[in-house]
Amino acid sequence: MRFGTAGIPLSTENKTTLNGIARVKELGLDGMELEFVHSVNISSEKAPEVKQKKEESGIMLTCHGQYYINLSSLEKEKIAASKERVLKAARAAFACGASSMTFHAGFYMKQTKEQVYDQIKSALTEITKTLQDEGNTIFIRPELTGKGTQWGELPELIKISQEVEQVLPCIDFAHQHARTNGKWNSKQEFSRMLEEMEKGLGKESLKNMHCHVSGIEYGEKGERNHLLLDDSDFKYRELLEALKEFSCEGIIICESPNIEDDCLLLKRTYGSL
């Protein structure tokens, strides 16, 4: 497993993407997630420089798409706008050399789970077809979400990855813990998640993982906000033990408020197992 920060490390001087990649390398970390959550902030002119820097440093890049995506909206124009946002982020991320792009796909709202699934599947099928026609091979990864009102339970993610080419899950283990109000927080439960992945998507899915980890505060309705790992009840060591036992590969992106410190904690803990 490789370990990366959710965005430019906080300790980066002159916070640019290029300097962020360099700082990740200095820290001894392995990757960085491009944060397009408010807007796609890397131009087509700048992307080749980012890709070159990424290749020179050996750092792995991923991307988090915009917060304003809802592929299951009750308004058709919002679905259309959301599809364009996913495409815009995926194009920019791919041009930067990122291997996968994650995002929160939608909300249940007043619809049945089946209706929402069908809408999101239709949108992702259209999105991936467009990317394939453009020669864009980036993995599109709907994220395991932190609230029960959001689409993105693990079985839904596995099913849509089976049915839509170029789609795989982004497994946010802290979100799974939060959306179940404190469950899914032991080595046994983390192992069950990995078993479900392997059963539904094959061993190869465990060799190409994109994960999110952080401390997290939650309540009956799920996620409230991210915390430092050691300020939370999240059993990150047991998660890392499960990942190691299943010989998982890929990248863990740390979304704690002190992104690089907790990321280094995760990497050191993993290395000590």
C-alpha atoms as a PDB file:
ATOM      1  CA  MET A   1       0.000   0.000   0.000  1.00  0.00           C
ATOM      2  CA  ARG A   2       1.066   3.562  -0.718  1.00  0.00           C
ATOM      3  CA  PHE A   3       0.136   6.548   1.428  1.00  0.00           C
ATOM      4  CA  GLY A   4      -0.801  10.038   0.258  1.00  0.00           C
ATOM      5  CA  THR A   5      -2.277  13.323   1.392  1.00  0.00           C
ATOM      6  CA  ALA A   6      -5.715  14.703   0.536  1.00  0.00           C
ATOM      7  CA  GLY A   7      -4.398  17.797  -1.205  1.00  0.00           C
ATOM      8  CA  ILE A   8      -1.204  19.811  -0.926  1.00  0.00           C
ATOM      9  CA  PRO A   9       0.566  19.108   2.398  1.00  0.00           C
ATOM     10  CA  LEU A  10      -0.024  21.835   4.975  1.00  0.00           C
ATOM     11  CA  SER A  11       3.723  22.278   5.487  1.00  0.00           C
ATOM     12  CA  THR A  12       4.286  23.172   1.815  1.00  0.00           C
ATOM     13  CA  GLU A  13       5.782  26.601   1.246  1.00  0.00           C
ATOM     14  CA  ASN A  14       4.126  28.515  -1.606  1.00  0.00           C
ATOM     15  CA  LYS A  15       1.215  26.090  -1.929  1.00  0.00           C
ATOM     16  CA  THR A  16       1.084  25.054  -5.572  1.00  0.00           C
ATOM     17  CA  THR A  17       0.424  21.581  -6.959  1.00  0.00           C
ATOM     18  CA  LEU A  18       4.020  21.263  -8.175  1.00  0.00           C
ATOM     19  CA  ASN A  19       5.398  22.277  -4.785  1.00  0.00           C
ATOM     20  CA  GLY A  20       2.925  19.936  -3.108  1.00  0.00           C
ATOM     21  CA  ILE A  21       4.229  16.957  -5.079  1.00  0.00           C
ATOM     22  CA  ALA A  22       7.788  17.919  -4.152  1.00  0.00           C
ATOM     23  CA  ARG A  23       6.826  18.230  -0.473  1.00  0.00           C
ATOM     24  CA  VAL A  24       5.117  14.826  -0.479  1.00  0.00           C
ATOM     25  CA  LYS A  25       8.370  13.355  -1.783  1.00  0.00           C
ATOM     26  CA  GLU A  26      10.421  15.192   0.886  1.00  0.00           C
ATOM     27  CA  LEU A  27       8.160  13.822   3.615  1.00  0.00           C
ATOM     28  CA  GLY A  28       8.720  10.264   2.436  1.00  0.00           C
ATOM     29  CA  LEU A  29       5.115   9.784   1.401  1.00  0.00           C
ATOM     30  CA  ASP A  30       3.925   8.149  -1.786  1.00  0.00           C
ATOM     31  CA  GLY A  31       1.036  10.126  -3.232  1.00  0.00           C
ATOM     32  CA  MET A  32      -1.270  13.111  -3.293  1.00  0.00           C
ATOM     33  CA  GLU A  33      -4.935  13.603  -4.137  1.00  0.00           C
ATOM     34  CA  LEU A  34      -5.724  16.561  -6.375  1.00  0.00           C
ATOM     35  CA  GLU A  35      -8.568  18.356  -4.627  1.00  0.00           C
ATOM     36  CA  PHE A  36     -11.008  19.590  -7.269  1.00  0.00           C
ATOM     37  CA  VAL A  37     -13.770  19.747  -4.648  1.00  0.00           C
ATOM     38  CA  HIS A  38     -14.659  23.409  -5.276  1.00  0.00           C
ATOM     39  CA  SER A  39     -13.393  23.698  -8.842  1.00  0.00           C
ATOM     40  CA  VAL A  40     -11.002  22.097 -11.298  1.00  0.00           C
ATOM     41  CA  ASN A  41      -8.042  24.315 -10.482  1.00  0.00           C
ATOM     42  CA  ILE A  42      -5.427  22.986 -12.915  1.00  0.00           C
ATOM     43  CA  SER A  43      -5.521  24.338 -16.446  1.00  0.00           C
ATOM     44  CA  SER A  44      -4.873  22.310 -19.592  1.00  0.00           C
ATOM     45  CA  GLU A  45      -1.657  24.305 -20.007  1.00  0.00           C
ATOM     46  CA  LYS A  46      -0.438  23.451 -16.484  1.00  0.00           C
ATOM     47  CA  ALA A  47      -1.426  19.757 -16.504  1.00  0.00           C
ATOM     48  CA  PRO A  48       1.600  18.512 -18.519  1.00  0.00           C
ATOM     49  CA  GLU A  49       3.936  20.144 -15.973  1.00  0.00           C
ATOM     50  CA  VAL A  50       2.109  18.370 -13.151  1.00  0.00           C
ATOM     51  CA  LYS A  51       2.353  15.060 -14.998  1.00  0.00           C
ATOM     52  CA  GLN A  52       6.070  15.525 -15.606  1.00  0.00           C
ATOM     53  CA  LYS A  53       6.675  16.395 -11.943  1.00  0.00           C
ATOM     54  CA  LYS A  54       4.653  13.376 -10.865  1.00  0.00           C
ATOM     55  CA  GLU A  55       6.655  11.051 -13.139  1.00  0.00           C
ATOM     56  CA  GLU A  56      10.020  12.484 -12.081  1.00  0.00           C
ATOM     57  CA  SER A  57       9.183  12.116  -8.390  1.00  0.00           C
ATOM     58  CA  GLY A  58       7.495   8.701  -8.574  1.00  0.00           C
ATOM     59  CA  ILE A  59       4.530  10.102  -6.664  1.00  0.00           C
ATOM     60  CA  MET A  60       1.092   8.596  -7.312  1.00  0.00           C
ATOM     61  CA  LEU A  61      -1.726  11.052  -8.061  1.00  0.00           C
ATOM     62  CA  THR A  62      -5.439  10.595  -7.527  1.00  0.00           C
ATOM     63  CA  CYS A  63      -8.257  13.131  -7.732  1.00  0.00           C
ATOM     64  CA  HIS A  64     -11.333  14.087  -5.713  1.00  0.00           C
ATOM     65  CA  GLY A  65     -14.061  15.580  -7.859  1.00  0.00           C
ATOM     66  CA  GLN A  66     -16.394  18.455  -7.088  1.00  0.00           C
ATOM     67  CA  TYR A  67     -18.781  18.510  -4.136  1.00  0.00           C
ATOM     68  CA  TYR A  68     -21.541  19.794  -6.434  1.00  0.00           C
ATOM     69  CA  ILE A  69     -22.186  16.436  -8.108  1.00  0.00           C
ATOM     70  CA  ASN A  70     -25.559  14.706  -7.849  1.00  0.00           C
ATOM     71  CA  LEU A  71     -26.176  12.126 -10.550  1.00  0.00           C
ATOM     72  CA  SER A  72     -29.534  11.227  -8.984  1.00  0.00           C
ATOM     73  CA  SER A  73     -31.022  14.719  -8.775  1.00  0.00           C
ATOM     74  CA  LEU A  74     -34.753  15.157  -9.282  1.00  0.00           C
ATOM     75  CA  GLU A  75     -33.890  17.888 -11.822  1.00  0.00           C
ATOM     76  CA  LYS A  76     -32.586  16.754 -15.223  1.00  0.00           C
ATOM     77  CA  GLU A  77     -30.504  19.884 -15.719  1.00  0.00           C
ATOM     78  CA  LYS A  78     -28.639  19.184 -12.467  1.00  0.00           C
ATOM     79  CA  ILE A  79     -27.856  15.644 -13.618  1.00  0.00           C
ATOM     80  CA  ALA A  80     -26.527  17.014 -16.900  1.00  0.00           C
ATOM     81  CA  ALA A  81     -24.391  19.576 -15.063  1.00  0.00           C
ATOM     82  CA  SER A  82     -23.110  16.864 -12.708  1.00  0.00           C
ATOM     83  CA  LYS A  83     -22.060  14.637 -15.614  1.00  0.00           C
ATOM     84  CA  GLU A  84     -20.124  17.535 -17.081  1.00  0.00           C
ATOM     85  CA  ARG A  85     -18.405  18.132 -13.735  1.00  0.00           C
ATOM     86  CA  VAL A  86     -17.299  14.496 -13.521  1.00  0.00           C
ATOM     87  CA  LEU A  87     -15.974  14.662 -17.084  1.00  0.00           C
ATOM     88  CA  LYS A  88     -14.151  17.933 -16.455  1.00  0.00           C
ATOM     89  CA  ALA A  89     -12.444  16.578 -13.342  1.00  0.00           C
ATOM     90  CA  ALA A  90     -11.602  13.244 -15.000  1.00  0.00           C
ATOM     91  CA  ARG A  91     -10.083  14.970 -18.027  1.00  0.00           C
ATOM     92  CA  ALA A  92      -7.932  17.314 -15.950  1.00  0.00           C
ATOM     93  CA  ALA A  93      -6.846  14.538 -13.587  1.00  0.00           C
ATOM     94  CA  PHE A  94      -5.922  12.207 -16.452  1.00  0.00           C
ATOM     95  CA  ALA A  95      -3.900  14.975 -18.117  1.00  0.00           C
ATOM     96  CA  CYS A  96      -1.994  15.334 -14.816  1.00  0.00           C
ATOM     97  CA  GLY A  97      -1.225  11.615 -14.755  1.00  0.00           C
ATOM     98  CA  ALA A  98      -3.733  10.660 -12.040  1.00  0.00           C
ATOM     99  CA  SER A  99      -4.789   7.023 -11.952  1.00  0.00           C
ATOM    100  CA  SER A 100      -8.276   7.452 -10.509  1.00  0.00           C
ATOM    101  CA  MET A 101     -10.913  10.064  -9.774  1.00  0.00           C
ATOM    102  CA  THR A 102     -13.390   9.786  -6.905  1.00  0.00           C
ATOM    103  CA  PHE A 103     -16.541  11.740  -5.995  1.00  0.00           C
ATOM    104  CA  HIS A 104     -19.804  11.497  -4.072  1.00  0.00           C
ATOM    105  CA  ALA A 105     -22.222  10.270  -6.710  1.00  0.00           C
ATOM    106  CA  GLY A 106     -25.660  11.228  -5.423  1.00  0.00           C
ATOM    107  CA  PHE A 107     -28.430  11.274  -2.837  1.00  0.00           C
ATOM    108  CA  TYR A 108     -31.479   9.073  -2.333  1.00  0.00           C
ATOM    109  CA  MET A 109     -33.784  12.057  -1.715  1.00  0.00           C
ATOM    110  CA  LYS A 110     -37.431  10.941  -2.158  1.00  0.00           C
ATOM    111  CA  GLN A 111     -36.600   8.095  -4.521  1.00  0.00           C
ATOM    112  CA  THR A 112     -36.217   4.362  -3.977  1.00  0.00           C
ATOM    113  CA  LYS A 113     -32.751   2.870  -3.858  1.00  0.00           C
ATOM    114  CA  GLU A 114     -33.504   1.074  -7.126  1.00  0.00           C
ATOM    115  CA  GLN A 115     -34.454   4.327  -8.884  1.00  0.00           C
ATOM    116  CA  VAL A 116     -31.303   6.060  -7.665  1.00  0.00           C
ATOM    117  CA  TYR A 117     -29.111   3.122  -8.659  1.00  0.00           C
ATOM    118  CA  ASP A 118     -30.556   3.078 -12.174  1.00  0.00           C
ATOM    119  CA  GLN A 119     -30.044   6.833 -12.586  1.00  0.00           C
ATOM    120  CA  ILE A 120     -26.444   6.717 -11.402  1.00  0.00           C
ATOM    121  CA  LYS A 121     -25.684   3.655 -13.511  1.00  0.00           C
ATOM    122  CA  SER A 122     -27.080   5.386 -16.607  1.00  0.00           C
ATOM    123  CA  ALA A 123     -24.999   8.508 -15.928  1.00  0.00           C
ATOM    124  CA  LEU A 124     -21.783   6.589 -15.265  1.00  0.00           C
ATOM    125  CA  THR A 125     -22.285   4.475 -18.387  1.00  0.00           C
ATOM    126  CA  GLU A 126     -22.540   7.662 -20.446  1.00  0.00           C
ATOM    127  CA  ILE A 127     -19.551   9.246 -18.691  1.00  0.00           C
ATOM    128  CA  THR A 128     -17.245   6.268 -19.145  1.00  0.00           C
ATOM    129  CA  LYS A 129     -18.282   5.840 -22.779  1.00  0.00           C
ATOM    130  CA  THR A 130     -17.314   9.465 -23.440  1.00  0.00           C
ATOM    131  CA  LEU A 131     -13.961   9.004 -21.692  1.00  0.00           C
ATOM    132  CA  GLN A 132     -13.245   5.792 -23.578  1.00  0.00           C
ATOM    133  CA  ASP A 133     -13.979   7.528 -26.883  1.00  0.00           C
ATOM    134  CA  GLU A 134     -11.411  10.161 -25.860  1.00  0.00           C
ATOM    135  CA  GLY A 135      -8.785   7.552 -24.930  1.00  0.00           C
ATOM    136  CA  ASN A 136      -9.044   8.488 -21.253  1.00  0.00           C
ATOM    137  CA  THR A 137      -8.373   5.394 -19.115  1.00  0.00           C
ATOM    138  CA  ILE A 138      -8.705   6.943 -15.635  1.00  0.00           C
ATOM    139  CA  PHE A 139     -10.738   4.860 -13.176  1.00  0.00           C
ATOM    140  CA  ILE A 140     -14.002   6.512 -12.170  1.00  0.00           C
ATOM    141  CA  ARG A 141     -14.591   5.712  -8.510  1.00  0.00           C
ATOM    142  CA  PRO A 142     -17.827   6.600  -6.733  1.00  0.00           C
ATOM    143  CA  GLU A 143     -17.001   6.885  -3.045  1.00  0.00           C
ATOM    144  CA  LEU A 144     -18.364   4.966  -0.087  1.00  0.00           C
ATOM    145  CA  THR A 145     -20.229   7.824   1.594  1.00  0.00           C
ATOM    146  CA  GLY A 146     -20.590   8.829   5.222  1.00  0.00           C
ATOM    147  CA  LYS A 147     -24.342   9.440   5.606  1.00  0.00           C
ATOM    148  CA  GLY A 148     -27.362   7.235   5.136  1.00  0.00           C
ATOM    149  CA  THR A 149     -28.977   9.881   2.929  1.00  0.00           C
ATOM    150  CA  GLN A 150     -26.155   9.535   0.381  1.00  0.00           C
ATOM    151  CA  TRP A 151     -25.964   6.855  -2.288  1.00  0.00           C
ATOM    152  CA  GLY A 152     -22.818   4.794  -1.906  1.00  0.00           C
ATOM    153  CA  GLU A 153     -23.146   1.704   0.276  1.00  0.00           C
ATOM    154  CA  LEU A 154     -20.529  -0.974  -0.357  1.00  0.00           C
ATOM    155  CA  PRO A 155     -22.939  -3.439  -2.071  1.00  0.00           C
ATOM    156  CA  GLU A 156     -24.104  -0.649  -4.416  1.00  0.00           C
ATOM    157  CA  LEU A 157     -20.523   0.237  -5.290  1.00  0.00           C
ATOM    158  CA  ILE A 158     -19.605  -3.372  -5.969  1.00  0.00           C
ATOM    159  CA  LYS A 159     -22.681  -3.901  -8.148  1.00  0.00           C
ATOM    160  CA  ILE A 160     -22.111  -0.787 -10.248  1.00  0.00           C
ATOM    161  CA  SER A 161     -18.443  -1.723 -10.683  1.00  0.00           C
ATOM    162  CA  GLN A 162     -19.565  -5.109 -12.008  1.00  0.00           C
ATOM    163  CA  GLU A 163     -21.962  -3.530 -14.478  1.00  0.00           C
ATOM    164  CA  VAL A 164     -20.112  -0.432 -15.749  1.00  0.00           C
ATOM    165  CA  GLU A 165     -16.693  -0.688 -17.358  1.00  0.00           C
ATOM    166  CA  GLN A 166     -13.903   1.536 -16.007  1.00  0.00           C
ATOM    167  CA  VAL A 167     -15.704   1.969 -12.672  1.00  0.00           C
ATOM    168  CA  LEU A 168     -14.316   0.782  -9.315  1.00  0.00           C
ATOM    169  CA  PRO A 169     -15.136   1.813  -5.738  1.00  0.00           C
ATOM    170  CA  CYS A 170     -13.259   4.307  -3.603  1.00  0.00           C
ATOM    171  CA  ILE A 171     -13.473   2.733  -0.156  1.00  0.00           C
ATOM    172  CA  ASP A 172     -13.648   5.301   2.616  1.00  0.00           C
ATOM    173  CA  PHE A 173     -13.319   3.159   5.726  1.00  0.00           C
ATOM    174  CA  ALA A 174     -14.028   6.087   8.064  1.00  0.00           C
ATOM    175  CA  HIS A 175     -17.257   6.800   6.158  1.00  0.00           C
ATOM    176  CA  GLN A 176     -18.345   3.179   6.568  1.00  0.00           C
ATOM    177  CA  HIS A 177     -17.748   3.525  10.310  1.00  0.00           C
ATOM    178  CA  ALA A 178     -19.699   6.810  10.419  1.00  0.00           C
ATOM    179  CA  ARG A 179     -22.696   5.909   8.256  1.00  0.00           C
ATOM    180  CA  THR A 180     -23.366   2.929  10.552  1.00  0.00           C
ATOM    181  CA  ASN A 181     -23.071   5.079  13.711  1.00  0.00           C
ATOM    182  CA  GLY A 182     -19.942   3.415  15.048  1.00  0.00           C
ATOM    183  CA  LYS A 183     -20.013  -0.092  13.591  1.00  0.00           C
ATOM    184  CA  TRP A 184     -17.477  -1.506  11.101  1.00  0.00           C
ATOM    185  CA  ASN A 185     -14.485  -0.662  13.270  1.00  0.00           C
ATOM    186  CA  SER A 186     -12.629  -3.922  13.907  1.00  0.00           C
ATOM    187  CA  LYS A 187     -10.179  -6.092  12.017  1.00  0.00           C
ATOM    188  CA  GLN A 188     -12.900  -8.693  11.563  1.00  0.00           C
ATOM    189  CA  GLU A 189     -15.318  -6.166  10.064  1.00  0.00           C
ATOM    190  CA  PHE A 190     -12.675  -4.566   7.827  1.00  0.00           C
ATOM    191  CA  SER A 191     -11.810  -8.069   6.616  1.00  0.00           C
ATOM    192  CA  ARG A 192     -15.474  -8.685   5.787  1.00  0.00           C
ATOM    193  CA  MET A 193     -15.446  -5.580   3.577  1.00  0.00           C
ATOM    194  CA  LEU A 194     -12.352  -6.818   1.760  1.00  0.00           C
ATOM    195  CA  GLU A 195     -13.927 -10.260   1.368  1.00  0.00           C
ATOM    196  CA  GLU A 196     -17.004  -8.642  -0.209  1.00  0.00           C
ATOM    197  CA  MET A 197     -14.749  -6.741  -2.616  1.00  0.00           C
ATOM    198  CA  GLU A 198     -12.856  -9.886  -3.570  1.00  0.00           C
ATOM    199  CA  LYS A 199     -16.028 -11.939  -3.974  1.00  0.00           C
ATOM    200  CA  GLY A 200     -17.762  -9.325  -6.112  1.00  0.00           C
ATOM    201  CA  LEU A 201     -14.881  -7.883  -8.124  1.00  0.00           C
ATOM    202  CA  GLY A 202     -12.111 -10.445  -7.910  1.00  0.00           C
ATOM    203  CA  LYS A 203      -8.675 -10.422  -6.314  1.00  0.00           C
ATOM    204  CA  GLU A 204      -7.560  -7.819  -8.837  1.00  0.00           C
ATOM    205  CA  SER A 205      -9.775  -5.217  -7.137  1.00  0.00           C
ATOM    206  CA  LEU A 206      -7.679  -5.607  -3.966  1.00  0.00           C
ATOM    207  CA  LYS A 207      -4.509  -4.987  -5.989  1.00  0.00           C
ATOM    208  CA  ASN A 208      -5.826  -1.669  -7.291  1.00  0.00           C
ATOM    209  CA  MET A 209      -7.406   0.062  -4.313  1.00  0.00           C
ATOM    210  CA  HIS A 210      -8.144   3.733  -3.763  1.00  0.00           C
ATOM    211  CA  CYS A 211      -8.978   4.256  -0.096  1.00  0.00           C
ATOM    212  CA  HIS A 212      -9.715   7.172   2.218  1.00  0.00           C
ATOM    213  CA  VAL A 213      -8.897   7.092   5.930  1.00  0.00           C
ATOM    214  CA  SER A 214      -9.231   9.674   8.695  1.00  0.00           C
ATOM    215  CA  GLY A 215     -10.471  10.094  12.203  1.00  0.00           C
ATOM    216  CA  ILE A 216     -14.167  10.888  12.152  1.00  0.00           C
ATOM    217  CA  GLU A 217     -16.956  12.260  14.333  1.00  0.00           C
ATOM    218  CA  TYR A 218     -20.423  10.847  13.715  1.00  0.00           C
ATOM    219  CA  GLY A 219     -23.913  10.488  15.111  1.00  0.00           C
ATOM    220  CA  GLU A 220     -27.167   8.706  14.324  1.00  0.00           C
ATOM    221  CA  LYS A 221     -27.302  10.390  10.895  1.00  0.00           C
ATOM    222  CA  GLY A 222     -23.717   9.494  10.066  1.00  0.00           C
ATOM    223  CA  GLU A 223     -20.673  11.635   9.378  1.00  0.00           C
ATOM    224  CA  ARG A 224     -20.287  15.021  11.040  1.00  0.00           C
ATOM    225  CA  ASN A 225     -16.658  15.967  10.408  1.00  0.00           C
ATOM    226  CA  HIS A 226     -13.136  14.599  10.134  1.00  0.00           C
ATOM    227  CA  LEU A 227     -10.893  14.352  13.190  1.00  0.00           C
ATOM    228  CA  LEU A 228      -7.263  13.552  13.896  1.00  0.00           C
ATOM    229  CA  LEU A 229      -6.818   9.795  14.039  1.00  0.00           C
ATOM    230  CA  ASP A 230      -5.763   9.770  17.682  1.00  0.00           C
ATOM    231  CA  ASP A 231      -8.659  12.067  18.649  1.00  0.00           C
ATOM    232  CA  SER A 232     -11.170   9.568  17.265  1.00  0.00           C
ATOM    233  CA  ASP A 233     -12.284   6.026  18.015  1.00  0.00           C
ATOM    234  CA  PHE A 234     -11.323   4.767  14.543  1.00  0.00           C
ATOM    235  CA  LYS A 235      -9.170   1.621  14.847  1.00  0.00           C
ATOM    236  CA  TYR A 236      -6.763   2.405  12.037  1.00  0.00           C
ATOM    237  CA  ARG A 237      -4.178  -0.167  13.156  1.00  0.00           C
ATOM    238  CA  GLU A 238      -6.743  -2.962  12.815  1.00  0.00           C
ATOM    239  CA  LEU A 239      -7.643  -1.681   9.351  1.00  0.00           C
ATOM    240  CA  LEU A 240      -3.990  -1.728   8.306  1.00  0.00           C
ATOM    241  CA  GLU A 241      -3.608  -5.250   9.690  1.00  0.00           C
ATOM    242  CA  ALA A 242      -6.563  -6.400   7.563  1.00  0.00           C
ATOM    243  CA  LEU A 243      -5.184  -4.726   4.445  1.00  0.00           C
ATOM    244  CA  LYS A 244      -1.820  -6.384   5.003  1.00  0.00           C
ATOM    245  CA  GLU A 245      -3.313  -9.824   5.579  1.00  0.00           C
ATOM    246  CA  PHE A 246      -5.268  -9.566   2.317  1.00  0.00           C
ATOM    247  CA  SER A 247      -2.092  -8.424   0.482  1.00  0.00           C
ATOM    248  CA  CYS A 248      -3.922  -5.305  -0.700  1.00  0.00           C
ATOM    249  CA  GLU A 249      -2.188  -2.841  -2.991  1.00  0.00           C
ATOM    250  CA  GLY A 250      -3.020   0.682  -4.111  1.00  0.00           C
ATOM    251  CA  ILE A 251      -3.160   3.951  -2.215  1.00  0.00           C
ATOM    252  CA  ILE A 252      -4.575   5.213   1.073  1.00  0.00           C
ATOM    253  CA  ILE A 253      -5.362   8.935   1.050  1.00  0.00           C
ATOM    254  CA  CYS A 254      -5.421  10.513   4.489  1.00  0.00           C
ATOM    255  CA  GLU A 255      -8.187  13.089   4.978  1.00  0.00           C
ATOM    256  CA  SER A 256      -7.463  13.994   8.613  1.00  0.00           C
ATOM    257  CA  PRO A 257      -7.221  17.744   9.363  1.00  0.00           C
ATOM    258  CA  ASN A 258      -3.426  17.414   9.756  1.00  0.00           C
ATOM    259  CA  ILE A 259      -3.131  15.494   6.503  1.00  0.00           C
ATOM    260  CA  GLU A 260       0.610  14.789   6.356  1.00  0.00           C
ATOM    261  CA  ASP A 261       1.085  14.017  10.074  1.00  0.00           C
ATOM    262  CA  ASP A 262      -1.647  11.383  10.164  1.00  0.00           C
ATOM    263  CA  CYS A 263      -0.547  10.093   6.763  1.00  0.00           C
ATOM    264  CA  LEU A 264       2.955   9.543   8.141  1.00  0.00           C
ATOM    265  CA  LEU A 265       1.414   7.864  11.203  1.00  0.00           C
ATOM    266  CA  LEU A 266      -0.468   5.473   8.929  1.00  0.00           C
ATOM    267  CA  LYS A 267       2.620   4.694   6.860  1.00  0.00           C
ATOM    268  CA  ARG A 268       4.817   4.118   9.941  1.00  0.00           C
ATOM    269  CA  THR A 269       2.180   1.903  11.550  1.00  0.00           C
ATOM    270  CA  TYR A 270       1.758  -0.129   8.373  1.00  0.00           C
ATOM    271  CA  GLY A 271       5.521  -0.524   8.050  1.00  0.00           C
ATOM    272  CA  SER A 272       5.763  -1.796  11.631  1.00  0.00           C
ATOM    273  CA  LEU A 273       3.266  -4.631  11.136  1.00  0.00           C
END
